[in-house]
């Protein structure tokens, strides 16, 4: 009788090599040849190890993604407790090893040694075609073509846990037929994990596409973002993780409405939300305050909090759009490492000092990337650039830019507010309106200066409104005057440019330079 050696093979022991597949080989339908001896040149022996915990396949009996996640977590914890091998950080895997003889009984293989204290409870033997499997998987390609003695043997053995059996059988069938019989999200996730383990990229993409086309929940989106990652998986499931990020960003774009829910999200969920340009948030100051509050709740130890803020979350805070008052607080914040705080504040100040066209160039360079620190969000209150002077008197110059589409959205009676700025310890803001001219009865563009309400405080200022109407970046004064504020009153002009709204919004309007309206307000405290 011919002696046959058996290979006990672990996918994690396979090293990278050049592996290529033709499109025709990887996309062909060979379902008719699955487990058919007439079209096979090898025998695949699958040794199924018993598990004292729930030995069902993960997808079996799981009605939801949440059930799947809980079951996998429980199984990982049970395996870690029960395993008797030296390395207890990983699930027990098979290893390349020869059995003494191919004539030995199925259950007489004692080659596991100290790899697992569980016994082989079941064995499956399948007829396989090495060219078909090799065309789909670098794992099998290397196994069958590495030029070693093992690659010439007819019998190949895989040792798996009982919970992996259903997913592996689905995966093997997919490698022949390019389709799966399972359709439930938990079962698809199991197959996705098996496809990553055995490097079947086409199946990973298939599972990713199926899951992406199903309805998401916050639980499933978070699970997709936190799947165990590898270089192979990251590329193949990128559309799925992108869809998960988009789902979370869209669901929680108004963070104030879901504040309690957002505060308990894990780090991956917070990163997905903060990466969005469409947050319905008052200002970047509010984003910064939220991040600090969340970090203090999730990471009570200041050392851990500094690490997470510095290495993970700081890149999602758009520091160039923080107010100068908030940037000063960043420098003295104990939750940020001093070097990190200094770097982001200095970068923010340099950005604020750039000319508007340079700021737009910097923002455009980040389009399509995860790094969006120079990209402005859809803030409820428009950012302003403020230049302050103490001598010869207290004075500030405030620059407000409005895009053409933002102005168009004001019609017929809308308004937009700027972020607050301060002079002499008092808070002010600018507001742009679409008004009806009281004398000529047509719509027009108005600009107003308001004081944040603080009781009945009285505050006198000189003010001047100006706009830029030439690409030379010269501002032309429109109106100036003085006003004594009391409480929350405002002063301004209903028709700043003395023209109808249609002329102001015309394509050839002098006031929109590269699609942006540049406004300036100058305030001085009267002595």
Protein backbone atom coordinates (compact mmCIF):
# COMPACT_ATOMS: atom_id res chain seq x y z
CA UNK A 1 0.00 0.00 0.00
CA UNK A 2 1.34 3.41 -0.93
CA UNK A 3 2.35 5.60 2.02
CA UNK A 4 0.70 9.01 2.05
CA UNK A 5 1.74 11.92 4.20
CA UNK A 6 -0.79 14.36 5.60
CA UNK A 7 -0.13 18.12 5.85
CA UNK A 8 -1.54 19.93 8.86
CA UNK A 9 -1.55 23.51 7.62
CA UNK A 10 -1.97 26.91 9.30
CA UNK A 11 -2.81 29.85 7.00
CA UNK A 12 -0.91 32.24 9.26
CA UNK A 13 2.35 30.42 8.58
CA UNK A 14 2.21 31.15 4.85
CA UNK A 15 4.55 33.97 3.78
CA UNK A 16 3.86 36.45 1.00
CA UNK A 17 4.92 35.52 -2.51
CA UNK A 18 4.14 36.58 -6.08
CA UNK A 19 0.67 35.38 -6.77
CA UNK A 20 -1.30 36.20 -9.87
CA UNK A 21 -4.64 35.05 -11.22
CA UNK A 22 -6.20 35.60 -14.59
CA UNK A 23 -9.66 37.12 -14.71
CA UNK A 24 -11.09 34.14 -16.53
CA UNK A 25 -9.79 31.68 -13.93
CA UNK A 26 -11.04 33.69 -10.98
CA UNK A 27 -14.48 34.41 -12.41
CA UNK A 28 -15.32 31.04 -14.00
CA UNK A 29 -18.20 28.94 -12.62
CA UNK A 30 -16.95 25.46 -11.73
CA UNK A 31 -19.73 24.56 -9.32
CA UNK A 32 -20.25 21.24 -11.13
CA UNK A 33 -16.76 20.13 -10.04
CA UNK A 34 -17.17 20.78 -6.30
CA UNK A 35 -16.34 17.61 -4.33
CA UNK A 36 -16.37 15.54 -7.53
CA UNK A 37 -13.55 13.00 -7.80
CA UNK A 38 -13.69 13.16 -11.60
CA UNK A 39 -12.51 16.77 -11.58
CA UNK A 40 -10.20 16.66 -8.57
CA UNK A 41 -6.55 15.90 -7.99
CA UNK A 42 -6.37 16.17 -4.19
CA UNK A 43 -8.16 15.18 -1.01
CA UNK A 44 -8.84 17.86 1.58
CA UNK A 45 -9.17 16.44 5.08
CA UNK A 46 -10.92 18.86 7.46
CA UNK A 47 -10.38 18.02 11.14
CA UNK A 48 -13.04 19.70 13.26
CA UNK A 49 -12.05 20.39 16.84
CA UNK A 50 -14.55 20.25 19.67
CA UNK A 51 -15.34 23.34 21.74
CA UNK A 52 -16.67 23.09 25.28
CA UNK A 53 -18.42 26.39 24.77
CA UNK A 54 -21.22 26.76 22.28
CA UNK A 55 -19.90 24.80 19.32
CA UNK A 56 -22.46 26.05 16.81
CA UNK A 57 -21.20 28.06 13.89
CA UNK A 58 -21.28 31.73 14.83
CA UNK A 59 -23.99 32.57 12.35
CA UNK A 60 -26.24 29.71 13.43
CA UNK A 61 -28.94 30.79 15.84
CA UNK A 62 -27.87 34.44 15.65
CA UNK A 63 -30.81 36.56 14.54
CA UNK A 64 -28.96 39.86 14.41
CA UNK A 65 -25.55 41.43 14.05
CA UNK A 66 -25.61 42.23 17.76
CA UNK A 67 -26.19 38.54 18.60
CA UNK A 68 -23.31 37.61 16.29
CA UNK A 69 -20.93 40.06 17.95
CA UNK A 70 -21.87 38.93 21.46
CA UNK A 71 -21.50 35.26 20.52
CA UNK A 72 -18.07 35.75 18.94
CA UNK A 73 -16.85 37.75 21.92
CA UNK A 74 -18.07 35.06 24.32
CA UNK A 75 -16.48 32.30 22.24
CA UNK A 76 -13.13 34.11 22.10
CA UNK A 77 -13.18 34.53 25.88
CA UNK A 78 -14.09 30.85 26.43
CA UNK A 79 -11.36 29.62 24.10
CA UNK A 80 -8.82 31.81 25.87
CA UNK A 81 -9.82 30.28 29.21
CA UNK A 82 -9.85 26.68 27.95
CA UNK A 83 -6.77 26.52 25.75
CA UNK A 84 -3.78 24.75 27.25
CA UNK A 85 -1.14 25.87 24.76
CA UNK A 86 1.66 28.24 25.68
CA UNK A 87 0.48 31.11 23.47
CA UNK A 88 -2.92 32.08 24.84
CA UNK A 89 -3.29 35.29 22.86
CA UNK A 90 -4.56 33.60 19.69
CA UNK A 91 -7.16 31.03 18.84
CA UNK A 92 -5.76 27.56 18.35
CA UNK A 93 -4.68 27.06 14.74
CA UNK A 94 -3.34 24.15 12.74
CA UNK A 95 0.33 23.81 11.78
CA UNK A 96 2.27 22.19 8.95
CA UNK A 97 3.07 18.70 10.12
CA UNK A 98 3.33 15.23 8.64
CA UNK A 99 1.51 12.20 10.05
CA UNK A 100 3.51 8.99 10.24
CA UNK A 101 1.41 7.23 7.64
CA UNK A 102 -1.62 7.87 5.47
CA UNK A 103 -2.93 4.42 6.43
CA UNK A 104 -3.62 5.40 10.01
CA UNK A 105 -7.18 5.76 11.18
CA UNK A 106 -8.82 9.14 10.98
CA UNK A 107 -8.98 9.65 14.72
CA UNK A 108 -5.54 8.20 15.36
CA UNK A 109 -3.68 11.33 14.25
CA UNK A 110 -1.81 12.61 17.30
CA UNK A 111 0.15 15.32 15.53
CA UNK A 112 -1.50 18.15 17.44
CA UNK A 113 0.88 17.79 20.39
CA UNK A 114 0.29 20.70 22.75
CA UNK A 115 -1.52 22.84 20.18
CA UNK A 116 -4.97 22.21 21.65
CA UNK A 117 -6.46 20.37 24.56
CA UNK A 118 -9.68 19.75 22.54
CA UNK A 119 -10.10 16.54 20.57
CA UNK A 120 -10.93 16.04 16.92
CA UNK A 121 -14.66 15.33 17.08
CA UNK A 122 -15.42 15.08 13.37
CA UNK A 123 -13.58 14.74 10.08
CA UNK A 124 -14.74 15.76 6.61
CA UNK A 125 -12.98 14.68 3.44
CA UNK A 126 -13.55 16.55 0.19
CA UNK A 127 -12.29 16.08 -3.34
CA UNK A 128 -10.67 19.31 -4.44
CA UNK A 129 -9.07 20.71 -7.56
CA UNK A 130 -5.77 22.40 -6.76
CA UNK A 131 -5.84 24.62 -9.91
CA UNK A 132 -9.29 25.98 -9.01
CA UNK A 133 -8.40 26.70 -5.38
CA UNK A 134 -5.00 28.10 -6.33
CA UNK A 135 -6.62 30.45 -8.84
CA UNK A 136 -8.80 31.92 -6.09
CA UNK A 137 -6.48 31.99 -3.10
CA UNK A 138 -2.81 32.89 -2.54
CA UNK A 139 -3.01 30.61 0.49
CA UNK A 140 -3.77 27.54 -1.61
CA UNK A 141 -1.54 28.70 -4.44
CA UNK A 142 1.46 28.74 -2.10
CA UNK A 143 0.42 25.44 -0.55
CA UNK A 144 0.26 23.67 -3.92
CA UNK A 145 3.21 25.32 -5.67
CA UNK A 146 5.92 26.00 -3.09
CA UNK A 147 8.23 23.38 -4.57
CA UNK A 148 8.49 21.52 -1.25
CA UNK A 149 7.58 17.91 -0.58
CA UNK A 150 4.28 19.01 0.98
CA UNK A 151 3.12 20.53 -2.31
CA UNK A 152 3.37 17.13 -4.03
CA UNK A 153 1.23 15.24 -1.53
CA UNK A 154 -2.28 14.23 -2.46
CA UNK A 155 -3.74 14.66 1.04
CA UNK A 156 -3.93 18.10 2.68
CA UNK A 157 -5.33 18.60 6.17
CA UNK A 158 -6.90 21.72 7.64
CA UNK A 159 -7.71 21.82 11.33
CA UNK A 160 -10.48 24.20 12.34
CA UNK A 161 -12.75 24.90 15.28
CA UNK A 162 -16.32 23.66 15.10
CA UNK A 163 -17.57 27.25 14.90
CA UNK A 164 -15.69 27.73 11.62
CA UNK A 165 -17.11 24.70 9.80
CA UNK A 166 -20.15 26.23 8.11
CA UNK A 167 -18.23 29.30 6.96
CA UNK A 168 -15.37 27.21 5.53
CA UNK A 169 -17.77 24.97 3.58
CA UNK A 170 -19.50 28.06 2.16
CA UNK A 171 -16.11 29.51 1.26
CA UNK A 172 -14.94 26.37 -0.54
CA UNK A 173 -18.19 26.22 -2.49
CA UNK A 174 -17.77 29.91 -3.43
CA UNK A 175 -14.29 29.22 -4.80
CA UNK A 176 -15.94 26.90 -7.33
CA UNK A 177 -19.24 28.68 -8.03
CA UNK A 178 -18.64 32.39 -7.19
CA UNK A 179 -21.81 32.52 -5.12
CA UNK A 180 -22.99 31.83 -1.57
CA UNK A 181 -26.14 30.09 -0.37
CA UNK A 182 -26.20 32.01 2.91
CA UNK A 183 -27.84 35.43 3.05
CA UNK A 184 -28.09 36.41 6.74
CA UNK A 185 -25.71 39.16 7.95
CA UNK A 186 -24.16 37.03 10.75
CA UNK A 187 -23.46 34.13 8.37
CA UNK A 188 -22.01 36.49 5.76
CA UNK A 189 -19.72 37.97 8.39
CA UNK A 190 -18.49 34.49 9.28
CA UNK A 191 -17.72 33.76 5.64
CA UNK A 192 -15.99 37.14 5.34
CA UNK A 193 -13.72 36.27 8.27
CA UNK A 194 -12.95 32.85 6.76
CA UNK A 195 -12.24 34.45 3.37
CA UNK A 196 -9.75 36.80 5.01
CA UNK A 197 -8.08 33.90 6.82
CA UNK A 198 -7.67 31.90 3.60
CA UNK A 199 -6.99 34.98 1.42
CA UNK A 200 -9.95 34.65 -0.93
CA UNK A 201 -10.27 38.30 -1.94
CA UNK A 202 -13.10 37.75 -4.41
CA UNK A 203 -15.26 36.24 -1.65
CA UNK A 204 -14.41 39.09 0.71
CA UNK A 205 -15.57 41.57 -1.90
CA UNK A 206 -18.73 39.53 -2.50
CA UNK A 207 -19.59 39.44 1.23
CA UNK A 208 -18.75 43.11 1.59
CA UNK A 209 -21.07 44.00 -1.29
CA UNK A 210 -23.92 41.88 0.09
CA UNK A 211 -23.61 43.42 3.55
CA UNK A 212 -23.38 46.92 2.10
CA UNK A 213 -26.67 46.43 0.27
CA UNK A 214 -28.48 45.46 3.47
CA UNK A 215 -30.02 47.88 5.94
CA UNK A 216 -27.54 49.10 8.52
CA UNK A 217 -28.02 49.82 12.19
CA UNK A 218 -25.62 51.64 14.52
CA UNK A 219 -24.63 48.23 15.93
CA UNK A 220 -23.84 46.70 12.53
CA UNK A 221 -21.99 49.82 11.31
CA UNK A 222 -19.77 49.81 14.40
CA UNK A 223 -19.11 46.09 13.95
CA UNK A 224 -17.99 46.62 10.35
CA UNK A 225 -15.59 49.35 11.49
CA UNK A 226 -14.13 47.14 14.22
CA UNK A 227 -13.67 43.90 12.27
CA UNK A 228 -10.22 42.37 12.86
CA UNK A 229 -8.09 44.09 10.26
CA UNK A 230 -5.40 42.85 7.93
CA UNK A 231 -3.91 44.47 4.86
CA UNK A 232 -5.89 42.07 2.69
CA UNK A 233 -9.17 42.67 4.48
CA UNK A 234 -8.73 46.45 4.65
CA UNK A 235 -8.60 46.73 0.87
CA UNK A 236 -11.36 44.25 0.09
CA UNK A 237 -13.88 45.60 2.62
CA UNK A 238 -13.07 49.29 2.16
CA UNK A 239 -16.43 50.00 0.46
CA UNK A 240 -18.21 48.37 3.41
CA UNK A 241 -16.29 50.34 6.03
CA UNK A 242 -16.78 53.54 4.02
CA UNK A 243 -20.53 52.88 3.95
CA UNK A 244 -20.51 52.24 7.71
CA UNK A 245 -18.72 55.55 8.35
CA UNK A 246 -21.16 57.37 6.10
CA UNK A 247 -24.14 55.77 7.86
CA UNK A 248 -22.91 56.84 11.31
CA UNK A 249 -21.96 60.33 10.12
CA UNK A 250 -25.40 60.81 8.58
CA UNK A 251 -27.32 59.39 11.55
CA UNK A 252 -25.46 61.49 14.10
CA UNK A 253 -24.78 64.64 12.08
CA UNK A 254 -26.88 66.53 14.63
CA UNK A 255 -24.97 65.36 17.69
CA UNK A 256 -27.00 67.49 20.08
CA UNK A 257 -30.16 65.54 19.18
CA UNK A 258 -28.50 62.20 20.07
CA UNK A 259 -26.15 63.43 22.78
CA UNK A 260 -26.70 60.54 25.21
CA UNK A 261 -26.40 57.96 22.42
CA UNK A 262 -23.26 59.53 20.96
CA UNK A 263 -21.52 59.77 24.34
CA UNK A 264 -21.44 55.96 24.69
CA UNK A 265 -20.19 55.23 21.17
CA UNK A 266 -16.78 53.56 20.90
CA UNK A 267 -13.74 55.29 19.44
CA UNK A 268 -14.34 54.00 15.89
CA UNK A 269 -17.84 55.51 15.88
CA UNK A 270 -16.64 58.89 17.14
CA UNK A 271 -13.95 58.99 14.45
CA UNK A 272 -16.56 58.26 11.77
CA UNK A 273 -18.78 61.11 12.96
CA UNK A 274 -15.97 63.64 13.34
CA UNK A 275 -14.62 62.89 9.85
CA UNK A 276 -17.78 64.34 8.29
CA UNK A 277 -17.94 67.81 6.73
CA UNK A 278 -21.71 67.95 7.26
CA UNK A 279 -21.98 68.01 11.04
CA UNK A 280 -24.85 70.23 12.12
CA UNK A 281 -22.76 71.91 14.77
CA UNK A 282 -22.61 75.50 15.94
CA UNK A 283 -18.85 75.85 15.47
CA UNK A 284 -15.60 73.93 15.68
CA UNK A 285 -15.36 75.14 19.28
CA UNK A 286 -18.38 72.94 20.01
CA UNK A 287 -16.65 69.97 18.32
CA UNK A 288 -13.58 70.49 20.51
CA UNK A 289 -15.70 70.70 23.69
CA UNK A 290 -17.57 67.51 22.74
CA UNK A 291 -14.35 65.57 22.06
CA UNK A 292 -12.94 66.53 25.46
CA UNK A 293 -16.17 65.60 27.23
CA UNK A 294 -16.33 62.21 25.46
CA UNK A 295 -12.65 61.46 26.11
CA UNK A 296 -12.97 62.25 29.82
CA UNK A 297 -15.99 59.93 30.06
CA UNK A 298 -14.40 57.03 28.17
CA UNK A 299 -10.83 57.39 29.47
CA UNK A 300 -10.81 58.52 33.12
CA UNK A 301 -7.02 58.10 33.38
CA UNK A 302 -5.31 61.21 32.03
CA UNK A 303 -2.42 59.23 30.52
CA UNK A 304 -4.77 57.12 28.38
CA UNK A 305 -6.80 60.19 27.48
CA UNK A 306 -3.74 62.06 26.26
CA UNK A 307 -2.69 59.09 24.16
CA UNK A 308 -6.10 58.73 22.49
CA UNK A 309 -6.48 62.46 21.92
CA UNK A 310 -2.97 62.86 20.54
CA UNK A 311 -2.78 59.77 18.34
CA UNK A 312 -6.40 59.30 17.23
CA UNK A 313 -8.78 62.21 17.79
CA UNK A 314 -6.69 65.36 17.37
CA UNK A 315 -6.57 64.87 13.59
CA UNK A 316 -10.38 65.04 13.44
CA UNK A 317 -10.59 68.40 15.24
CA UNK A 318 -10.24 71.20 12.70
CA UNK A 319 -8.13 73.50 14.83
CA UNK A 320 -7.78 76.23 12.13
CA UNK A 321 -11.50 76.91 12.60
CA UNK A 322 -11.36 77.22 16.39
CA UNK A 323 -11.69 80.75 17.72
CA UNK A 324 -8.51 82.34 19.07
CA UNK A 325 -9.97 82.25 22.57
CA UNK A 326 -10.43 78.48 22.28
CA UNK A 327 -6.93 78.01 20.83
CA UNK A 328 -5.52 79.69 23.94
CA UNK A 329 -7.38 77.12 26.04
CA UNK A 330 -5.93 74.27 23.96
CA UNK A 331 -2.42 75.41 24.93
CA UNK A 332 -3.25 75.18 28.63
CA UNK A 333 -5.43 72.05 28.45
CA UNK A 334 -4.05 69.26 30.63
CA UNK A 335 -5.75 66.61 28.47
CA UNK A 336 -3.44 67.29 25.52
CA UNK A 337 0.25 66.54 25.46
CA UNK A 338 2.05 69.90 25.40
CA UNK A 339 3.95 69.13 22.19
CA UNK A 340 0.77 68.04 20.41
CA UNK A 341 -1.11 71.15 21.59
CA UNK A 342 1.70 73.47 20.50
CA UNK A 343 1.88 71.87 17.06
CA UNK A 344 -1.85 72.04 16.27
CA UNK A 345 -2.22 75.61 17.59
CA UNK A 346 0.78 76.85 15.62
CA UNK A 347 -0.55 75.17 12.47
CA UNK A 348 -3.97 76.75 13.06
CA UNK A 349 -2.54 80.24 13.52
CA UNK A 350 -0.46 79.98 10.34
CA UNK A 351 -3.58 78.92 8.44
CA UNK A 352 -5.58 81.85 9.83
CA UNK A 353 -2.83 84.22 8.71
CA UNK A 354 -2.93 82.94 5.11
CA UNK A 355 -4.66 84.91 2.37
CA UNK A 356 -8.12 83.53 1.50
CA UNK A 357 -6.98 82.09 -1.85
CA UNK A 358 -4.14 80.24 -0.09
CA UNK A 359 -6.62 78.85 2.45
CA UNK A 360 -8.80 77.54 -0.39
CA UNK A 361 -5.76 75.89 -2.01
CA UNK A 362 -4.81 74.16 1.25
CA UNK A 363 -8.39 72.93 1.72
CA UNK A 364 -8.57 71.69 -1.88
CA UNK A 365 -5.36 69.68 -1.42
CA UNK A 366 -7.11 67.66 1.29
CA UNK A 367 -10.21 66.90 -0.79
CA UNK A 368 -10.89 63.17 -0.89
CA UNK A 369 -8.60 62.35 2.05
CA UNK A 370 -9.30 61.42 5.65
CA UNK A 371 -7.17 64.35 6.78
CA UNK A 372 -9.61 67.28 6.60
CA UNK A 373 -8.09 69.75 9.07
CA UNK A 374 -8.24 72.68 6.59
CA UNK A 375 -11.74 71.89 5.28
CA UNK A 376 -14.55 73.97 6.69
CA UNK A 377 -17.64 72.17 7.99
CA UNK A 378 -21.24 73.32 7.49
CA UNK A 379 -21.22 75.29 10.74
CA UNK A 380 -24.37 76.87 12.07
CA UNK A 381 -22.30 79.98 12.81
CA UNK A 382 -19.90 81.14 10.09
CA UNK A 383 -16.20 81.34 11.06
CA UNK A 384 -14.57 84.77 11.12
CA UNK A 385 -11.00 86.00 11.09
CA UNK A 386 -10.33 88.56 13.82
CA UNK A 387 -7.37 90.93 14.18
CA UNK A 388 -7.19 92.69 17.57
CA UNK A 389 -5.35 95.86 18.59
CA UNK A 390 -4.81 97.27 22.08
CA UNK A 391 -3.10 100.55 21.12
CA UNK A 392 -3.68 103.40 20.53
CA UNK A 393 -7.14 102.17 21.53
CA UNK A 394 -9.01 98.89 21.79
CA UNK A 395 -10.02 97.86 18.30
CA UNK A 396 -10.75 94.73 16.25
CA UNK A 397 -11.09 94.07 12.52
CA UNK A 398 -13.39 91.16 11.64
CA UNK A 399 -13.39 89.40 8.25
CA UNK A 400 -16.43 87.35 7.19
CA UNK A 401 -16.54 85.32 3.95
CA UNK A 402 -19.81 84.05 2.49
CA UNK A 403 -19.99 81.70 -0.50
CA UNK A 404 -22.34 82.54 -3.35
CA UNK A 405 -24.50 79.48 -2.64
CA UNK A 406 -24.79 80.50 1.02
CA UNK A 407 -26.06 83.91 -0.03
CA UNK A 408 -28.45 82.34 -2.53
CA UNK A 409 -29.92 80.20 0.27
CA UNK A 410 -30.84 83.36 2.19
CA UNK A 411 -33.58 84.26 -0.30
CA UNK A 412 -36.31 85.30 0.40
CA UNK A 413 -36.05 85.94 4.14
CA UNK A 414 -33.17 83.91 5.54
CA UNK A 415 -30.26 84.95 7.69
CA UNK A 416 -26.85 83.59 8.67
CA UNK A 417 -24.86 84.37 11.81
CA UNK A 418 -21.12 84.54 12.40
CA UNK A 419 -19.22 83.01 15.27
CA UNK A 420 -18.80 85.28 18.26
CA UNK A 421 -15.81 87.58 18.59
CA UNK A 422 -14.82 89.79 21.49
CA UNK A 423 -13.86 93.38 22.13
CA UNK A 424 -13.27 94.85 25.56
CA UNK A 425 -14.53 91.66 27.20
CA UNK A 426 -17.88 91.84 25.39
CA UNK A 427 -19.08 89.34 22.80
CA UNK A 428 -20.33 90.42 19.36
CA UNK A 429 -21.45 88.74 16.14
CA UNK A 430 -22.27 89.63 12.53
CA UNK A 431 -25.46 88.57 10.76
CA UNK A 432 -26.27 88.67 7.04
CA UNK A 433 -29.92 88.92 5.96
CA UNK A 434 -32.04 88.88 2.87
CA UNK A 435 -34.44 91.81 3.50
CA UNK A 436 -37.23 93.64 1.78
CA UNK A 437 -36.15 97.23 1.12
CA UNK A 438 -38.63 99.43 2.95
CA UNK A 439 -38.63 102.23 0.35
CA UNK A 440 -38.29 100.43 -2.99
CA UNK A 441 -40.02 97.16 -2.05
CA UNK A 442 -37.39 94.81 -3.48
CA UNK A 443 -35.22 92.20 -1.83
CA UNK A 444 -31.69 93.22 -0.89
CA UNK A 445 -28.64 92.12 1.07
CA UNK A 446 -28.28 93.42 4.64
CA UNK A 447 -25.46 93.22 7.20
CA UNK A 448 -25.84 93.78 10.95
CA UNK A 449 -23.63 93.90 14.04
CA UNK A 450 -25.10 92.43 17.22
CA UNK A 451 -23.99 92.19 20.83
CA UNK A 452 -24.41 88.99 22.81
CA UNK A 453 -27.05 89.64 25.44
CA UNK A 454 -25.78 90.10 28.97
CA UNK A 455 -28.49 91.75 31.01
CA UNK A 456 -28.80 95.50 30.59
CA UNK A 457 -25.10 96.23 30.04
CA UNK A 458 -24.40 99.36 27.97
CA UNK A 459 -21.50 99.35 25.52
CA UNK A 460 -20.53 102.11 23.02
CA UNK A 461 -18.50 101.39 19.86
CA UNK A 462 -17.53 103.01 16.59
CA UNK A 463 -18.13 100.66 13.67
CA UNK A 464 -17.45 100.48 9.95
CA UNK A 465 -18.73 98.00 7.34
CA UNK A 466 -16.72 97.36 4.20
CA UNK A 467 -16.76 94.92 1.29
CA UNK A 468 -14.23 93.85 -1.28
CA UNK A 469 -15.32 94.46 -4.83
CA UNK A 470 -12.05 94.00 -6.74
CA UNK A 471 -9.58 91.13 -6.99
CA UNK A 472 -6.89 93.53 -5.75
CA UNK A 473 -8.14 92.66 -2.23
CA UNK A 474 -8.95 96.29 -1.43
CA UNK A 475 -11.94 96.83 0.85
CA UNK A 476 -14.24 99.75 0.18
CA UNK A 477 -16.09 101.33 3.06
CA UNK A 478 -19.87 101.12 2.77
CA UNK A 479 -21.18 102.53 6.04
CA UNK A 480 -19.73 103.77 9.31
CA UNK A 481 -21.16 105.20 12.50
CA UNK A 482 -21.31 104.77 16.26
CA UNK A 483 -23.79 102.97 18.43
CA UNK A 484 -24.45 102.30 22.09
CA UNK A 485 -25.53 98.71 22.61
CA UNK A 486 -27.92 97.76 25.38
CA UNK A 487 -28.74 94.14 26.04
CA UNK A 488 -29.08 92.15 22.82
CA UNK A 489 -29.68 94.95 20.33
CA UNK A 490 -28.08 95.16 16.87
CA UNK A 491 -27.15 97.86 14.36
CA UNK A 492 -26.67 97.59 10.58
CA UNK A 493 -28.00 98.28 7.10
CA UNK A 494 -30.86 96.57 5.32
CA UNK A 495 -29.41 97.27 1.86
CA UNK A 496 -25.64 97.23 2.31
CA UNK A 497 -24.83 97.53 -1.42
CA UNK A 498 -27.75 99.82 -2.36
CA UNK A 499 -28.83 97.43 -5.15
CA UNK A 500 -31.67 94.91 -5.58
CA UNK A 501 -31.08 91.26 -4.64
CA UNK A 502 -31.14 90.19 -8.31
CA UNK A 503 -28.28 92.56 -9.16
CA UNK A 504 -26.34 91.50 -6.07
CA UNK A 505 -26.64 87.81 -7.00
CA UNK A 506 -26.00 88.27 -10.75
CA UNK A 507 -23.21 86.21 -12.30
CA UNK A 508 -21.25 89.36 -13.15
CA UNK A 509 -21.69 90.90 -9.68
CA UNK A 510 -18.59 92.79 -8.57
CA UNK A 511 -18.92 91.51 -5.04
CA UNK A 512 -18.42 87.78 -5.64
CA UNK A 513 -14.74 87.16 -6.28
CA UNK A 514 -14.22 83.51 -7.28
CA UNK A 515 -17.67 82.77 -5.85
CA UNK A 516 -16.97 84.32 -2.44
CA UNK A 517 -18.29 87.53 -0.87
CA UNK A 518 -15.67 89.18 1.36
CA UNK A 519 -16.97 91.41 4.16
CA UNK A 520 -15.13 93.37 6.83
CA UNK A 521 -16.32 94.99 10.04
CA UNK A 522 -14.15 97.28 12.14
CA UNK A 523 -15.04 98.02 15.76
CA UNK A 524 -13.43 100.51 18.12
CA UNK A 525 -14.31 101.22 21.74
CA UNK A 526 -15.19 104.88 22.20
CA UNK A 527 -13.44 106.64 25.03
